[in-house]
Amino acid sequence: MNKLYYVYDPMCSWCWGFKPVWEKIEQALSGEIEIVYLLGGLAPDSDQAMPMAMQLQIAAYWRRIEALLGTEFNHEFWALNTPRRSTYPACRAILAARAQQAEGTMLTAIQKAYYLQARNPSDNEVLIDLASKVGLDKTQFSADLLHEETQEALLAEIHFARSIGGNSFPSLFVQSTVGITPISIDYQDVDACIAQIREAKKL
């Protein structure tokens, strides 16, 4: 079966904005094409506070997405946290959840915590609490989250995502008999995205 790759980062604000369209794409194409989630790895591990200029820039992205798509954001995040440019912890949390067949559940939990509840998914304690709240095995999740093999798996997945052209998030690609075909993201037109995917998978 052909594959549809969805390249994303759990802390990517445009991925949050794309979520309603993506969920409709998934629903429409379920059983028609194999859907594969790929972590893109937006920002490596860092324990340094995000520079104020970067905070202001990302906060501006949130307002832009909110104005363009109507996506909800809790802007108190910036006052209530010490943000770090560090999304790899959240990416590893996705892999730890994937090991328990709960990637989608954990992704939604991270996005809601970050964008609606003003919690910081760069912090392992937040991620472990979210895993527990969505019913994952907390002990297993915590061990997997911090395991070196999880970091190695993340780097390998990022490398593969880059190799097919997944350098920005969200990105969509169809793998068919002719190779990899990039799909143009339309944040407001589900049908346009689905039509592109169906056309590409015929190749």
C-alpha atoms as a PDB file:
ATOM      1  CA  MET A   1       0.000   0.000   0.000  1.00  0.00           C
ATOM      2  CA  ASN A   2       1.172   3.549  -0.721  1.00  0.00           C
ATOM      3  CA  LYS A   3       2.067   5.728   2.258  1.00  0.00           C
ATOM      4  CA  LEU A   4       1.094   9.215   3.360  1.00  0.00           C
ATOM      5  CA  TYR A   5       3.783  10.739   5.574  1.00  0.00           C
ATOM      6  CA  TYR A   6       2.746  13.447   8.012  1.00  0.00           C
ATOM      7  CA  VAL A   7       5.849  15.298   9.232  1.00  0.00           C
ATOM      8  CA  TYR A   8       5.172  17.309  12.363  1.00  0.00           C
ATOM      9  CA  ASP A   9       6.418  18.502  15.724  1.00  0.00           C
ATOM     10  CA  PRO A  10       4.166  18.366  18.810  1.00  0.00           C
ATOM     11  CA  MET A  11       5.194  21.930  19.712  1.00  0.00           C
ATOM     12  CA  CYS A  12       4.776  23.380  16.218  1.00  0.00           C
ATOM     13  CA  SER A  13       2.115  26.088  16.296  1.00  0.00           C
ATOM     14  CA  TRP A  14       1.289  25.694  12.592  1.00  0.00           C
ATOM     15  CA  CYS A  15       0.686  21.973  13.232  1.00  0.00           C
ATOM     16  CA  TRP A  16      -1.804  23.021  15.930  1.00  0.00           C
ATOM     17  CA  GLY A  17      -3.467  25.309  13.408  1.00  0.00           C
ATOM     18  CA  PHE A  18      -3.548  22.486  10.839  1.00  0.00           C
ATOM     19  CA  LYS A  19      -5.014  19.949  13.294  1.00  0.00           C
ATOM     20  CA  PRO A  20      -8.710  20.296  12.289  1.00  0.00           C
ATOM     21  CA  VAL A  21      -7.878  19.859   8.595  1.00  0.00           C
ATOM     22  CA  TRP A  22      -5.444  17.022   9.277  1.00  0.00           C
ATOM     23  CA  GLU A  23      -8.011  15.109  11.328  1.00  0.00           C
ATOM     24  CA  LYS A  24     -10.489  15.338   8.440  1.00  0.00           C
ATOM     25  CA  ILE A  25      -7.820  14.158   5.992  1.00  0.00           C
ATOM     26  CA  GLU A  26      -7.066  11.172   8.226  1.00  0.00           C
ATOM     27  CA  GLN A  27     -10.724  10.303   8.529  1.00  0.00           C
ATOM     28  CA  ALA A  28     -11.328  10.569   4.785  1.00  0.00           C
ATOM     29  CA  LEU A  29      -8.319   8.465   3.797  1.00  0.00           C
ATOM     30  CA  SER A  30      -8.391   5.841   6.538  1.00  0.00           C
ATOM     31  CA  GLY A  31      -8.043   2.423   4.927  1.00  0.00           C
ATOM     32  CA  GLU A  32      -7.249   3.999   1.566  1.00  0.00           C
ATOM     33  CA  ILE A  33      -3.573   4.743   2.202  1.00  0.00           C
ATOM     34  CA  GLU A  34      -1.182   3.891   5.016  1.00  0.00           C
ATOM     35  CA  ILE A  35      -0.715   6.980   7.200  1.00  0.00           C
ATOM     36  CA  VAL A  36       2.693   7.325   8.854  1.00  0.00           C
ATOM     37  CA  TYR A  37       3.526   9.997  11.438  1.00  0.00           C
ATOM     38  CA  LEU A  38       7.088  11.324  11.338  1.00  0.00           C
ATOM     39  CA  LEU A  39       8.630  13.584  13.956  1.00  0.00           C
ATOM     40  CA  GLY A  40      10.429  16.512  12.408  1.00  0.00           C
ATOM     41  CA  GLY A  41      12.274  17.737  15.497  1.00  0.00           C
ATOM     42  CA  LEU A  42      11.836  21.495  15.509  1.00  0.00           C
ATOM     43  CA  ALA A  43      14.380  22.411  18.208  1.00  0.00           C
ATOM     44  CA  PRO A  44      17.079  20.346  19.992  1.00  0.00           C
ATOM     45  CA  ASP A  45      17.408  20.037  23.764  1.00  0.00           C
ATOM     46  CA  SER A  46      18.229  23.248  25.603  1.00  0.00           C
ATOM     47  CA  ASP A  47      18.164  24.324  29.239  1.00  0.00           C
ATOM     48  CA  GLN A  48      18.560  27.983  28.304  1.00  0.00           C
ATOM     49  CA  ALA A  49      15.688  30.436  28.571  1.00  0.00           C
ATOM     50  CA  MET A  50      14.391  31.518  25.172  1.00  0.00           C
ATOM     51  CA  PRO A  51      15.636  35.000  24.222  1.00  0.00           C
ATOM     52  CA  MET A  52      12.928  37.631  24.536  1.00  0.00           C
ATOM     53  CA  ALA A  53      13.128  38.456  20.822  1.00  0.00           C
ATOM     54  CA  MET A  54      12.333  34.843  19.976  1.00  0.00           C
ATOM     55  CA  GLN A  55       9.487  34.752  22.510  1.00  0.00           C
ATOM     56  CA  LEU A  56       7.966  37.819  20.887  1.00  0.00           C
ATOM     57  CA  GLN A  57       8.408  36.310  17.427  1.00  0.00           C
ATOM     58  CA  ILE A  58       6.689  33.025  18.327  1.00  0.00           C
ATOM     59  CA  ALA A  59       3.935  34.841  20.224  1.00  0.00           C
ATOM     60  CA  ALA A  60       3.368  36.828  17.026  1.00  0.00           C
ATOM     61  CA  TYR A  61       3.075  33.564  15.074  1.00  0.00           C
ATOM     62  CA  TRP A  62       0.354  32.474  17.494  1.00  0.00           C
ATOM     63  CA  ARG A  63      -1.592  35.686  16.923  1.00  0.00           C
ATOM     64  CA  ARG A  64      -1.178  35.334  13.159  1.00  0.00           C
ATOM     65  CA  ILE A  65      -2.470  31.748  13.162  1.00  0.00           C
ATOM     66  CA  GLU A  66      -5.311  32.788  15.467  1.00  0.00           C
ATOM     67  CA  ALA A  67      -6.321  35.591  13.088  1.00  0.00           C
ATOM     68  CA  LEU A  68      -5.945  33.492   9.930  1.00  0.00           C
ATOM     69  CA  LEU A  69      -7.494  30.208  11.044  1.00  0.00           C
ATOM     70  CA  GLY A  70      -9.430  30.963  14.219  1.00  0.00           C
ATOM     71  CA  THR A  71      -7.184  28.587  16.175  1.00  0.00           C
ATOM     72  CA  GLU A  72      -7.402  29.019  19.957  1.00  0.00           C
ATOM     73  CA  PHE A  73      -4.271  29.906  21.947  1.00  0.00           C
ATOM     74  CA  ASN A  74      -3.754  30.696  25.625  1.00  0.00           C
ATOM     75  CA  HIS A  75      -1.383  33.644  25.413  1.00  0.00           C
ATOM     76  CA  GLU A  76      -0.776  33.534  29.166  1.00  0.00           C
ATOM     77  CA  PHE A  77       1.817  30.832  28.416  1.00  0.00           C
ATOM     78  CA  TRP A  78       4.447  33.512  27.901  1.00  0.00           C
ATOM     79  CA  ALA A  79       3.838  35.109  31.304  1.00  0.00           C
ATOM     80  CA  LEU A  80       3.405  31.865  33.254  1.00  0.00           C
ATOM     81  CA  ASN A  81       6.464  29.963  32.000  1.00  0.00           C
ATOM     82  CA  THR A  82      10.142  30.296  31.277  1.00  0.00           C
ATOM     83  CA  PRO A  83      10.041  29.132  27.649  1.00  0.00           C
ATOM     84  CA  ARG A  84      12.970  27.215  26.168  1.00  0.00           C
ATOM     85  CA  ARG A  85      13.633  26.605  22.489  1.00  0.00           C
ATOM     86  CA  SER A  86      13.487  22.854  23.072  1.00  0.00           C
ATOM     87  CA  THR A  87      10.974  20.514  21.423  1.00  0.00           C
ATOM     88  CA  TYR A  88      12.987  17.273  21.520  1.00  0.00           C
ATOM     89  CA  PRO A  89      11.575  16.331  24.978  1.00  0.00           C
ATOM     90  CA  ALA A  90       8.036  16.483  23.562  1.00  0.00           C
ATOM     91  CA  CYS A  91       9.198  14.497  20.515  1.00  0.00           C
ATOM     92  CA  ARG A  92      10.665  11.790  22.763  1.00  0.00           C
ATOM     93  CA  ALA A  93       7.385  11.759  24.679  1.00  0.00           C
ATOM     94  CA  ILE A  94       5.619  10.981  21.401  1.00  0.00           C
ATOM     95  CA  LEU A  95       7.950   8.030  20.808  1.00  0.00           C
ATOM     96  CA  ALA A  96       7.412   6.787  24.370  1.00  0.00           C
ATOM     97  CA  ALA A  97       3.655   7.005  23.810  1.00  0.00           C
ATOM     98  CA  ARG A  98       3.961   5.323  20.406  1.00  0.00           C
ATOM     99  CA  ALA A  99       5.489   2.343  22.206  1.00  0.00           C
ATOM    100  CA  GLN A 100       2.153   2.082  24.048  1.00  0.00           C
ATOM    101  CA  GLN A 101       0.099   2.600  20.841  1.00  0.00           C
ATOM    102  CA  ALA A 102      -0.937   6.069  21.974  1.00  0.00           C
ATOM    103  CA  GLU A 103       0.858   8.520  19.667  1.00  0.00           C
ATOM    104  CA  GLY A 104      -2.282  10.427  18.646  1.00  0.00           C
ATOM    105  CA  THR A 105      -3.594  10.589  22.188  1.00  0.00           C
ATOM    106  CA  MET A 106      -0.297  11.939  23.512  1.00  0.00           C
ATOM    107  CA  LEU A 107       0.034  14.432  20.665  1.00  0.00           C
ATOM    108  CA  THR A 108      -3.365  15.916  21.471  1.00  0.00           C
ATOM    109  CA  ALA A 109      -2.527  16.006  25.183  1.00  0.00           C
ATOM    110  CA  ILE A 110       0.738  17.867  24.536  1.00  0.00           C
ATOM    111  CA  GLN A 111      -0.866  20.349  22.158  1.00  0.00           C
ATOM    112  CA  LYS A 112      -3.748  21.110  24.513  1.00  0.00           C
ATOM    113  CA  ALA A 113      -1.387  21.472  27.487  1.00  0.00           C
ATOM    114  CA  TYR A 114       0.850  23.872  25.553  1.00  0.00           C
ATOM    115  CA  TYR A 115      -1.635  25.942  23.601  1.00  0.00           C
ATOM    116  CA  LEU A 116      -4.721  25.907  25.827  1.00  0.00           C
ATOM    117  CA  GLN A 117      -3.492  25.234  29.381  1.00  0.00           C
ATOM    118  CA  ALA A 118      -0.273  27.318  29.267  1.00  0.00           C
ATOM    119  CA  ARG A 119       1.886  24.378  30.397  1.00  0.00           C
ATOM    120  CA  ASN A 120       5.422  23.823  29.130  1.00  0.00           C
ATOM    121  CA  PRO A 121       5.994  20.546  27.202  1.00  0.00           C
ATOM    122  CA  SER A 122       9.732  21.204  27.217  1.00  0.00           C
ATOM    123  CA  ASP A 123       9.635  19.957  30.828  1.00  0.00           C
ATOM    124  CA  ASN A 124       9.810  16.199  31.418  1.00  0.00           C
ATOM    125  CA  GLU A 125       7.622  16.440  34.528  1.00  0.00           C
ATOM    126  CA  VAL A 126       4.824  17.985  32.457  1.00  0.00           C
ATOM    127  CA  LEU A 127       5.134  15.220  29.852  1.00  0.00           C
ATOM    128  CA  ILE A 128       5.086  12.466  32.477  1.00  0.00           C
ATOM    129  CA  ASP A 129       2.025  14.009  34.118  1.00  0.00           C
ATOM    130  CA  LEU A 130       0.239  14.175  30.753  1.00  0.00           C
ATOM    131  CA  ALA A 131       1.072  10.529  30.018  1.00  0.00           C
ATOM    132  CA  SER A 132      -0.371   9.516  33.357  1.00  0.00           C
ATOM    133  CA  LYS A 133      -3.513  11.586  32.798  1.00  0.00           C
ATOM    134  CA  VAL A 134      -4.233   9.930  29.425  1.00  0.00           C
ATOM    135  CA  GLY A 135      -3.869   6.481  30.941  1.00  0.00           C
ATOM    136  CA  LEU A 136      -0.404   5.396  29.861  1.00  0.00           C
ATOM    137  CA  ASP A 137       1.783   3.186  32.026  1.00  0.00           C
ATOM    138  CA  LYS A 138       3.610   5.964  33.860  1.00  0.00           C
ATOM    139  CA  THR A 139       6.612   3.863  34.922  1.00  0.00           C
ATOM    140  CA  GLN A 140       7.178   2.515  31.421  1.00  0.00           C
ATOM    141  CA  PHE A 141       6.615   5.917  29.842  1.00  0.00           C
ATOM    142  CA  SER A 142       9.103   7.607  32.186  1.00  0.00           C
ATOM    143  CA  ALA A 143      11.739   4.967  31.479  1.00  0.00           C
ATOM    144  CA  ASP A 144      11.228   5.208  27.716  1.00  0.00           C
ATOM    145  CA  LEU A 145      11.176   9.015  27.767  1.00  0.00           C
ATOM    146  CA  LEU A 146      14.662   9.155  29.291  1.00  0.00           C
ATOM    147  CA  HIS A 147      16.213   6.157  27.537  1.00  0.00           C
ATOM    148  CA  GLU A 148      19.133   6.719  25.188  1.00  0.00           C
ATOM    149  CA  GLU A 149      17.503   4.442  22.605  1.00  0.00           C
ATOM    150  CA  THR A 150      14.555   6.835  22.417  1.00  0.00           C
ATOM    151  CA  GLN A 151      16.881   9.724  21.603  1.00  0.00           C
ATOM    152  CA  GLU A 152      18.609   7.582  18.948  1.00  0.00           C
ATOM    153  CA  ALA A 153      15.230   6.654  17.456  1.00  0.00           C
ATOM    154  CA  LEU A 154      14.237  10.326  17.382  1.00  0.00           C
ATOM    155  CA  LEU A 155      17.409  11.358  15.550  1.00  0.00           C
ATOM    156  CA  ALA A 156      16.917   8.534  13.029  1.00  0.00           C
ATOM    157  CA  GLU A 157      13.303   9.610  12.431  1.00  0.00           C
ATOM    158  CA  ILE A 158      14.320  13.250  11.990  1.00  0.00           C
ATOM    159  CA  HIS A 159      16.985  12.156   9.522  1.00  0.00           C
ATOM    160  CA  PHE A 160      14.446  10.175   7.493  1.00  0.00           C
ATOM    161  CA  ALA A 161      11.958  13.063   7.555  1.00  0.00           C
ATOM    162  CA  ARG A 162      14.657  15.402   6.221  1.00  0.00           C
ATOM    163  CA  SER A 163      15.660  12.871   3.558  1.00  0.00           C
ATOM    164  CA  ILE A 164      12.181  12.986   1.991  1.00  0.00           C
ATOM    165  CA  GLY A 165      11.999  16.780   2.148  1.00  0.00           C
ATOM    166  CA  GLY A 166      10.364  17.277   5.544  1.00  0.00           C
ATOM    167  CA  ASN A 167      12.193  20.436   6.520  1.00  0.00           C
ATOM    168  CA  SER A 168       9.179  22.460   7.661  1.00  0.00           C
ATOM    169  CA  PHE A 169       6.115  21.511   9.669  1.00  0.00           C
ATOM    170  CA  PRO A 170       3.530  20.389   8.970  1.00  0.00           C
ATOM    171  CA  SER A 171       4.529  18.654   5.745  1.00  0.00           C
ATOM    172  CA  LEU A 172       2.794  15.930   3.764  1.00  0.00           C
ATOM    173  CA  PHE A 173       4.331  13.459   1.312  1.00  0.00           C
ATOM    174  CA  VAL A 174       2.920  10.535  -0.632  1.00  0.00           C
ATOM    175  CA  GLN A 175       5.150   7.547  -1.301  1.00  0.00           C
ATOM    176  CA  SER A 176       4.046   5.667  -4.411  1.00  0.00           C
ATOM    177  CA  THR A 177       5.659   3.487  -7.060  1.00  0.00           C
ATOM    178  CA  VAL A 178       7.335   6.553  -8.616  1.00  0.00           C
ATOM    179  CA  GLY A 179       8.835   7.784  -5.337  1.00  0.00           C
ATOM    180  CA  ILE A 180       8.027  10.648  -2.977  1.00  0.00           C
ATOM    181  CA  THR A 181       5.544  13.366  -3.972  1.00  0.00           C
ATOM    182  CA  PRO A 182       5.200  16.485  -1.771  1.00  0.00           C
ATOM    183  CA  ILE A 183       1.651  17.653  -1.071  1.00  0.00           C
ATOM    184  CA  SER A 184       0.877  21.367  -0.794  1.00  0.00           C
ATOM    185  CA  ILE A 185      -0.560  22.209   2.621  1.00  0.00           C
ATOM    186  CA  ASP A 186      -3.848  24.099   2.571  1.00  0.00           C
ATOM    187  CA  TYR A 187      -4.859  25.156   6.073  1.00  0.00           C
ATOM    188  CA  GLN A 188      -8.412  25.963   5.055  1.00  0.00           C
ATOM    189  CA  ASP A 189      -9.333  23.573   2.237  1.00  0.00           C
ATOM    190  CA  VAL A 190      -9.574  19.926   3.263  1.00  0.00           C
ATOM    191  CA  ASP A 191     -10.854  18.833  -0.139  1.00  0.00           C
ATOM    192  CA  ALA A 192      -7.890  20.366  -1.961  1.00  0.00           C
ATOM    193  CA  CYS A 193      -5.437  18.436   0.219  1.00  0.00           C
ATOM    194  CA  ILE A 194      -7.349  15.165  -0.165  1.00  0.00           C
ATOM    195  CA  ALA A 195      -7.570  15.572  -3.956  1.00  0.00           C
ATOM    196  CA  GLN A 196      -3.791  16.089  -4.174  1.00  0.00           C
ATOM    197  CA  ILE A 197      -3.116  13.026  -2.057  1.00  0.00           C
ATOM    198  CA  ARG A 198      -5.463  10.825  -4.073  1.00  0.00           C
ATOM    199  CA  GLU A 199      -3.874  12.014  -7.310  1.00  0.00           C
ATOM    200  CA  ALA A 200      -0.355  11.384  -6.015  1.00  0.00           C
ATOM    201  CA  LYS A 201      -1.095   7.872  -4.789  1.00  0.00           C
ATOM    202  CA  LYS A 202      -2.199   6.870  -8.306  1.00  0.00           C
ATOM    203  CA  LEU A 203       1.328   7.485  -9.592  1.00  0.00           C
END
